[in-house]
Amino acid sequence: MEVRKSESLKSQGYISDRDRPLLFPSFDLQTFNPLQAEIANALPLVLSCFMRFVGIIPARLASTRLPGKPLIRIAGRTLVEWVYRSVNRARVLEAVWVATDDERVVREVESFGGRALLTRADHPSGTDRVAEASRSIDADVFVNVQGDEPLIAASTIEAVCAAFAEDPDLQVSTACVDLQTEQEYRDPHTVKVVTDLQGRALYFSRAPIPFAKEGLPAASKHLGIYAYRRSFLLDLDSLQRTPLESTESLEQLRFLENGVPIRVVKVPEDSLGIDTNEDLDRVRPLLENPRPESAPQEVI
């Protein structure tokens, strides 16, 4: 099965990554004026003229904390279908694929009309699984939405893609939101991120960072999404698992430890990942009674 081909200015040789001008300024999504809102609404379609973006959902059936997680049924659909439908709402994406370690997940995805491919079972992280998939699928940038993020917003996907138009040398981008509660700040299942003044990641941790003697500091929660340039993924095999990555069990630390900058885009909409049964209990009513504007669209 092949991703459908589409013509673009880049594929016709009209523009190169290094020659591309600064096309899109950085906007604060929470303070859009009407003109900025119109530009933001058109951004996904404009972006897709210059670069080809494909979404990849790594879905590992042998989850340690929730075995069989991709096939858990919620409100009449499997988790992998909920995630697929949410990712499919992002207009910037040319196609969406599920990369999995099990034929049962492949069959499930194909049963609701999605695309899936079987990958090796021994990958240490979702990024490694996406890297294998990138060798079989043609695109400029691959967007990795973790397979336990059924509430990911289309605008979040589009924001991490827009970062590549702002910086022609960018290799990796991701997203964060402001932390709202001290409980989240201290929860090891909530990954925190701190950045420099240009929005580049300094560190990701399950620990409460930055440190505060009391109360909640101006902290950011990392969301389960990354976008990578294809060339970076093809070279990923040369980056061995690193000490901090193993200590924190956070794959993105491998990039930082090897000197690869990560652009962190702050977005307004949070997302709830499903890592535990308690997370499942929180997400289930949101999927059973979705808001009309946030309900995942049909698979195309």
Protein backbone atom coordinates (compact mmCIF):
# COMPACT_ATOMS: atom_id res chain seq x y z
CA MET A 1 0.00 0.00 0.00
CA GLU A 2 1.43 3.40 -0.92
CA VAL A 3 0.75 6.91 0.32
CA ARG A 4 -1.07 8.86 -2.37
CA LYS A 5 1.17 11.21 -4.29
CA SER A 6 0.52 14.94 -4.44
CA GLU A 7 2.21 17.70 -6.40
CA SER A 8 3.91 20.48 -4.44
CA LEU A 9 6.20 23.40 -5.21
CA LYS A 10 9.05 21.52 -3.58
CA SER A 11 8.49 18.33 -5.59
CA GLN A 12 8.60 20.44 -8.76
CA GLY A 13 11.94 21.92 -7.71
CA TYR A 14 10.78 25.52 -7.22
CA ILE A 15 12.04 25.93 -3.67
CA SER A 16 14.58 24.38 -1.33
CA ASP A 17 14.58 24.15 2.46
CA ARG A 18 17.54 26.52 2.78
CA ASP A 19 16.17 29.09 0.31
CA ARG A 20 12.70 29.15 1.84
CA PRO A 21 11.92 32.57 3.40
CA LEU A 22 10.29 33.10 6.78
CA LEU A 23 6.72 32.42 5.67
CA PHE A 24 4.78 32.43 8.91
CA PRO A 25 5.41 34.59 11.99
CA SER A 26 4.96 33.10 15.44
CA PHE A 27 1.55 34.02 16.84
CA ASP A 28 0.23 33.69 20.35
CA LEU A 29 -2.74 31.43 19.68
CA GLN A 30 -4.60 32.84 22.67
CA THR A 31 -4.44 36.47 21.49
CA PHE A 32 -5.20 36.18 17.77
CA ASN A 33 -6.64 39.29 16.12
CA PRO A 34 -9.08 38.65 13.24
CA LEU A 35 -6.38 38.89 10.54
CA GLN A 36 -4.11 36.47 12.38
CA ALA A 37 -7.04 34.10 12.84
CA GLU A 38 -7.66 34.09 9.07
CA ILE A 39 -3.97 33.41 8.39
CA ALA A 40 -3.92 30.61 10.98
CA ASN A 41 -7.00 29.05 9.39
CA ALA A 42 -5.30 29.01 5.97
CA LEU A 43 -1.92 27.92 7.32
CA PRO A 44 -2.35 24.12 6.99
CA LEU A 45 -3.29 24.36 3.32
CA VAL A 46 -0.46 26.79 2.55
CA LEU A 47 2.07 24.64 4.41
CA SER A 48 1.09 21.56 2.44
CA CYS A 49 2.02 23.37 -0.79
CA PHE A 50 5.64 23.66 0.35
CA MET A 51 6.21 20.45 2.30
CA ARG A 52 4.63 17.03 2.58
CA PHE A 53 3.54 16.09 6.10
CA VAL A 54 2.46 12.57 7.05
CA GLY A 55 1.11 11.50 10.44
CA ILE A 56 2.39 8.27 12.02
CA ILE A 57 0.75 6.73 15.10
CA PRO A 58 3.05 4.21 16.80
CA ALA A 59 0.80 1.62 18.47
CA ARG A 60 2.49 -1.07 20.54
CA LEU A 61 0.18 -3.89 21.60
CA ALA A 62 2.53 -5.20 24.29
CA SER A 63 2.12 -2.18 26.59
CA THR A 64 3.48 -2.87 30.08
CA ARG A 65 1.03 -0.76 32.09
CA LEU A 66 -2.05 -1.38 29.91
CA PRO A 67 -1.60 -4.62 27.93
CA GLY A 68 -3.46 -4.58 24.62
CA LYS A 69 -3.96 -0.80 24.92
CA PRO A 70 -4.52 -0.01 21.20
CA LEU A 71 -7.47 -2.44 21.09
CA ILE A 72 -9.20 -1.29 24.29
CA ARG A 73 -12.77 -0.36 23.39
CA ILE A 74 -14.16 3.01 24.45
CA ALA A 75 -17.64 4.16 23.47
CA GLY A 76 -17.89 1.59 20.68
CA ARG A 77 -14.45 2.18 19.12
CA THR A 78 -10.95 0.95 19.83
CA LEU A 79 -8.41 3.39 21.23
CA VAL A 80 -6.36 3.23 18.04
CA GLU A 81 -9.42 4.23 16.01
CA TRP A 82 -10.11 7.22 18.29
CA VAL A 83 -6.50 8.40 17.89
CA TYR A 84 -6.56 7.85 14.13
CA ARG A 85 -9.74 9.88 13.72
CA SER A 86 -8.37 12.74 15.83
CA VAL A 87 -5.11 12.88 13.88
CA ASN A 88 -7.01 12.69 10.60
CA ARG A 89 -8.64 16.06 11.38
CA ALA A 90 -5.36 17.92 10.82
CA ARG A 91 -5.64 19.45 7.35
CA VAL A 92 -1.87 19.80 6.97
CA LEU A 93 -1.39 16.02 6.85
CA GLU A 94 -1.31 14.31 3.46
CA ALA A 95 -1.94 10.90 5.02
CA VAL A 96 -2.14 9.13 8.37
CA TRP A 97 -0.64 5.72 9.15
CA VAL A 98 -0.51 3.42 12.17
CA ALA A 99 2.85 1.70 12.75
CA THR A 100 2.40 -1.34 14.97
CA ASP A 101 4.09 -4.51 16.20
CA ASP A 102 1.06 -6.78 15.83
CA GLU A 103 -1.09 -8.05 12.96
CA ARG A 104 -4.21 -7.68 15.12
CA VAL A 105 -3.74 -3.93 15.19
CA VAL A 106 -3.15 -3.88 11.42
CA ARG A 107 -6.43 -5.73 10.87
CA GLU A 108 -8.29 -3.40 13.23
CA VAL A 109 -7.03 -0.27 11.48
CA GLU A 110 -7.84 -1.62 8.05
CA SER A 111 -11.33 -2.61 9.27
CA PHE A 112 -12.27 1.06 9.81
CA GLY A 113 -10.64 2.20 6.56
CA GLY A 114 -7.28 3.36 7.91
CA ARG A 115 -3.72 2.69 6.76
CA ALA A 116 -1.36 0.50 8.81
CA LEU A 117 2.01 -1.15 8.47
CA LEU A 118 3.72 -3.83 10.51
CA THR A 119 7.03 -2.88 12.13
CA ARG A 120 9.58 -4.74 14.24
CA ALA A 121 8.59 -5.74 17.77
CA ASP A 122 11.90 -4.79 19.40
CA HIS A 123 11.83 -1.00 19.03
CA PRO A 124 12.74 0.75 22.31
CA SER A 125 10.50 3.78 21.63
CA GLY A 126 7.75 5.16 19.44
CA THR A 127 10.27 7.34 17.63
CA ASP A 128 12.25 4.28 16.57
CA ARG A 129 9.04 2.71 15.23
CA VAL A 130 8.26 5.90 13.28
CA ALA A 131 11.80 5.91 11.92
CA GLU A 132 11.29 2.41 10.49
CA ALA A 133 7.99 3.49 8.93
CA SER A 134 9.63 6.58 7.38
CA ARG A 135 11.77 4.30 5.20
CA SER A 136 8.63 3.01 3.46
CA ILE A 137 6.56 6.22 3.22
CA ASP A 138 7.39 9.32 1.19
CA ALA A 139 7.18 12.65 3.04
CA ASP A 140 9.32 15.64 4.09
CA VAL A 141 8.17 15.68 7.72
CA PHE A 142 6.66 12.91 9.83
CA VAL A 143 4.37 13.76 12.73
CA ASN A 144 4.44 11.22 15.55
CA VAL A 145 1.25 11.27 17.62
CA GLN A 146 1.50 8.73 20.41
CA GLY A 147 -1.05 5.93 20.20
CA ASP A 148 -2.61 6.81 23.56
CA GLU A 149 -3.62 10.42 22.67
CA PRO A 150 -7.28 10.20 21.53
CA LEU A 151 -7.97 13.87 22.39
CA ILE A 152 -5.07 15.46 20.51
CA ALA A 153 -6.23 18.69 18.83
CA ALA A 154 -5.82 19.21 15.09
CA SER A 155 -4.52 22.72 15.83
CA THR A 156 -1.71 21.21 17.93
CA ILE A 157 -0.62 19.00 15.02
CA GLU A 158 -0.70 21.99 12.69
CA ALA A 159 1.33 24.12 15.14
CA VAL A 160 4.23 21.65 15.35
CA CYS A 161 4.23 21.47 11.54
CA ALA A 162 4.27 25.27 11.19
CA ALA A 163 7.54 25.37 13.14
CA PHE A 164 9.29 23.87 10.09
CA ALA A 165 8.25 26.83 7.93
CA GLU A 166 9.76 29.23 10.47
CA ASP A 167 13.14 27.45 10.65
CA PRO A 168 14.55 25.70 7.55
CA ASP A 169 17.22 23.98 9.68
CA LEU A 170 14.78 22.54 12.23
CA GLN A 171 14.96 18.78 12.72
CA VAL A 172 12.49 18.12 15.58
CA SER A 173 9.52 19.99 17.05
CA THR A 174 7.02 19.19 19.79
CA ALA A 175 4.32 20.91 21.85
CA CYS A 176 3.50 21.91 25.41
CA VAL A 177 0.76 23.59 27.43
CA ASP A 178 0.81 25.54 30.68
CA LEU A 179 0.47 23.33 33.74
CA GLN A 180 -2.72 24.13 35.65
CA THR A 181 -2.43 22.25 38.95
CA GLU A 182 0.22 21.41 41.51
CA GLN A 183 -0.92 17.78 41.34
CA GLU A 184 0.09 17.63 37.65
CA TYR A 185 3.34 19.40 38.44
CA ARG A 186 4.31 16.71 40.95
CA ASP A 187 2.88 13.73 39.04
CA PRO A 188 5.67 11.58 37.49
CA HIS A 189 3.27 10.48 34.73
CA THR A 190 3.07 14.13 33.59
CA VAL A 191 6.23 15.04 31.68
CA LYS A 192 7.44 18.59 32.25
CA VAL A 193 9.58 20.65 29.87
CA VAL A 194 11.67 23.80 30.33
CA THR A 195 12.85 25.89 27.38
CA ASP A 196 15.24 28.70 26.59
CA LEU A 197 14.03 32.15 25.53
CA GLN A 198 13.81 31.03 21.88
CA GLY A 199 11.51 28.10 22.67
CA ARG A 200 14.18 25.40 22.42
CA ALA A 201 14.00 22.59 24.96
CA LEU A 202 16.53 22.65 27.77
CA TYR A 203 15.26 19.52 29.51
CA PHE A 204 12.30 17.16 29.85
CA SER A 205 11.62 15.37 33.12
CA ARG A 206 9.08 13.40 35.12
CA ALA A 207 10.31 15.34 38.15
CA PRO A 208 8.72 18.70 39.07
CA ILE A 209 10.77 21.21 37.04
CA PRO A 210 11.52 24.04 37.38
CA PHE A 211 11.92 23.66 41.13
CA ALA A 212 9.65 25.70 43.39
CA LYS A 213 9.87 25.79 47.18
CA GLU A 214 6.10 25.96 47.35
CA GLY A 215 3.08 26.27 45.07
CA LEU A 216 3.02 26.00 41.30
CA PRO A 217 5.73 27.76 39.24
CA ALA A 218 5.31 28.82 35.62
CA ALA A 219 5.72 25.24 34.39
CA SER A 220 4.87 23.51 31.10
CA LYS A 221 3.42 20.08 30.41
CA HIS A 222 4.84 18.20 27.44
CA LEU A 223 2.29 16.75 25.00
CA GLY A 224 2.67 13.37 23.27
CA ILE A 225 3.49 14.66 19.80
CA TYR A 226 6.66 15.19 17.75
CA ALA A 227 7.42 16.21 14.18
CA TYR A 228 10.69 15.14 12.56
CA ARG A 229 12.35 15.91 9.29
CA ARG A 230 12.75 12.68 7.31
CA SER A 231 16.53 13.04 7.09
CA PHE A 232 16.73 13.07 10.90
CA LEU A 233 14.73 9.85 11.18
CA LEU A 234 16.87 8.11 8.58
CA ASP A 235 19.95 8.89 10.71
CA LEU A 236 18.31 7.88 13.99
CA ASP A 237 20.01 4.47 14.01
CA SER A 238 23.32 6.27 14.63
CA LEU A 239 22.01 7.68 17.93
CA GLN A 240 22.31 5.02 20.59
CA ARG A 241 20.10 4.96 23.68
CA THR A 242 21.53 7.49 26.15
CA PRO A 243 21.91 7.56 29.97
CA LEU A 244 19.30 10.25 30.66
CA GLU A 245 16.87 8.65 28.20
CA SER A 246 17.15 5.39 30.16
CA THR A 247 16.93 7.10 33.56
CA GLU A 248 13.81 9.14 32.80
CA SER A 249 12.36 6.71 30.23
CA LEU A 250 11.90 9.65 27.84
CA GLU A 251 12.97 9.10 24.24
CA GLN A 252 13.37 12.82 23.46
CA LEU A 253 16.32 13.07 25.86
CA ARG A 254 18.33 11.00 23.36
CA PHE A 255 18.08 13.95 20.96
CA LEU A 256 19.14 16.55 23.55
CA GLU A 257 22.03 14.42 24.79
CA ASN A 258 23.29 14.21 21.21
CA GLY A 259 23.02 17.98 20.68
CA VAL A 260 19.88 17.95 18.51
CA PRO A 261 17.74 21.03 19.27
CA ILE A 262 14.01 20.50 19.84
CA ARG A 263 11.63 23.39 19.15
CA VAL A 264 8.80 23.43 21.70
CA VAL A 265 5.59 25.15 20.54
CA LYS A 266 3.23 26.31 23.27
CA VAL A 267 -0.41 25.58 22.33
CA PRO A 268 -3.70 26.43 24.09
CA GLU A 269 -5.37 22.99 24.04
CA ASP A 270 -4.32 20.28 26.49
CA SER A 271 -4.54 16.56 25.70
CA LEU A 272 -5.04 13.60 28.00
CA GLY A 273 -2.87 10.58 27.28
CA ILE A 274 -3.86 7.10 28.50
CA ASP A 275 -1.06 5.40 30.43
CA THR A 276 -2.99 3.87 33.32
CA ASN A 277 -6.48 2.62 34.21
CA GLU A 278 -7.01 5.90 36.07
CA ASP A 279 -6.28 7.82 32.85
CA LEU A 280 -8.73 5.58 31.02
CA ASP A 281 -11.43 6.42 33.57
CA ARG A 282 -10.81 10.17 33.01
CA VAL A 283 -10.86 9.95 29.22
CA ARG A 284 -13.80 7.57 28.79
CA PRO A 285 -16.59 10.11 29.61
CA LEU A 286 -14.96 12.70 27.32
CA LEU A 287 -15.14 10.28 24.39
CA GLU A 288 -18.61 9.04 25.27
CA ASN A 289 -19.94 12.63 25.35
CA PRO A 290 -17.66 14.68 23.07
CA ARG A 291 -18.14 18.37 22.33
CA PRO A 292 -19.38 18.75 18.72
CA GLU A 293 -16.38 20.87 17.68
CA SER A 294 -13.90 18.34 19.08
CA ALA A 295 -15.49 15.13 17.84
CA PRO A 296 -13.10 13.20 15.54
CA GLN A 297 -14.14 13.27 11.90
CA GLU A 298 -14.73 10.29 9.66
CA VAL A 299 -11.77 8.45 8.22
CA ILE A 300 -10.96 9.56 4.68
